[in-house]
Amino acid sequence: MSGTPHSTFVFDTTNAALWAEEVARDAGIPVETVPAPAESTAKCDLALITPTARVQELTAALTGAGVHFRPWPA
């Protein structure tokens, strides 16, 4: 996603991050797994980035699946 404006989603567990990646891919939403920003104080070392234009779609998909996340920065 280099060069494309993107947004970051952080998680409290590795399980949630990997589940979120699976939900996104099943929904056809492009995501990339990256290290969580240290400043995010996330409890998990993984984060997902997605193009900013797809944030609402990813938020809806994760919420619908019951994945706990938070956008960063909030």
Protein backbone atom coordinates (compact mmCIF):
# COMPACT_ATOMS: atom_id res chain seq x y z
CA MET A 1 0.00 0.00 0.00
CA SER A 2 3.00 2.13 -0.41
CA GLY A 3 2.10 5.59 -1.66
CA THR A 4 -1.64 5.09 -1.09
CA PRO A 5 -3.22 6.98 1.82
CA HIS A 6 -4.08 4.33 4.39
CA SER A 7 -5.59 3.96 7.84
CA THR A 8 -4.46 1.73 10.69
CA PHE A 9 -6.49 -0.65 12.85
CA VAL A 10 -5.00 -2.00 16.11
CA PHE A 11 -6.03 -4.92 18.31
CA ASP A 12 -5.73 -6.26 21.84
CA THR A 13 -4.86 -9.81 20.78
CA THR A 14 -3.02 -11.54 17.98
CA ASN A 15 -6.09 -13.71 17.46
CA ALA A 16 -8.22 -10.61 16.82
CA ALA A 17 -5.67 -9.21 14.35
CA LEU A 18 -5.50 -12.46 12.37
CA TRP A 19 -9.28 -12.85 12.47
CA ALA A 20 -9.65 -9.28 11.19
CA GLU A 21 -7.30 -10.06 8.32
CA GLU A 22 -9.41 -13.09 7.40
CA VAL A 23 -12.67 -11.10 7.61
CA ALA A 24 -11.22 -8.38 5.39
CA ARG A 25 -9.93 -10.80 2.77
CA ASP A 26 -13.25 -12.70 2.72
CA ALA A 27 -15.01 -9.36 2.14
CA GLY A 28 -12.59 -8.40 -0.63
CA ILE A 29 -11.17 -5.47 1.32
CA PRO A 30 -7.44 -4.98 0.76
CA VAL A 31 -5.41 -5.06 3.98
CA GLU A 32 -1.80 -5.49 4.92
CA THR A 33 -0.53 -6.80 8.26
CA VAL A 34 2.12 -4.51 9.73
CA PRO A 35 3.73 -3.94 13.14
CA ALA A 36 1.47 -1.95 15.45
CA PRO A 37 2.72 1.59 16.04
CA ALA A 38 4.39 1.79 19.46
CA GLU A 39 2.51 5.02 20.17
CA SER A 40 -0.82 3.22 19.77
CA THR A 41 -0.36 1.39 23.08
CA ALA A 42 -1.99 -1.64 21.44
CA LYS A 43 -1.74 -4.86 23.43
CA CYS A 44 -0.98 -6.77 20.21
CA ASP A 45 2.14 -6.25 18.11
CA LEU A 46 0.17 -6.57 14.86
CA ALA A 47 -1.96 -4.00 13.08
CA LEU A 48 -3.81 -3.86 9.77
CA ILE A 49 -3.65 -1.07 7.27
CA THR A 50 -6.23 -0.51 4.56
CA PRO A 51 -6.72 2.25 1.99
CA THR A 52 -8.44 5.22 3.63
CA ALA A 53 -11.23 4.96 1.08
CA ARG A 54 -12.12 1.50 2.48
CA VAL A 55 -12.16 2.36 6.22
CA GLN A 56 -15.95 2.46 6.57
CA GLU A 57 -16.29 -0.83 4.74
CA LEU A 58 -13.66 -2.54 6.91
CA THR A 59 -15.15 -1.07 10.08
CA ALA A 60 -18.57 -2.47 9.15
CA ALA A 61 -17.14 -5.90 8.27
CA LEU A 62 -15.15 -6.19 11.50
CA THR A 63 -18.03 -4.94 13.63
CA GLY A 64 -20.44 -7.34 11.93
CA ALA A 65 -18.08 -10.25 12.58
CA GLY A 66 -17.60 -9.28 16.22
CA VAL A 67 -13.88 -8.50 15.93
CA HIS A 68 -12.67 -6.11 18.66
CA PHE A 69 -10.46 -3.35 17.22
CA ARG A 70 -9.81 0.34 17.31
CA PRO A 71 -8.74 2.73 14.61
CA TRP A 72 -5.41 4.46 15.20
CA PRO A 73 -5.00 7.29 15.68
CA ALA A 74 -8.39 7.45 17.39
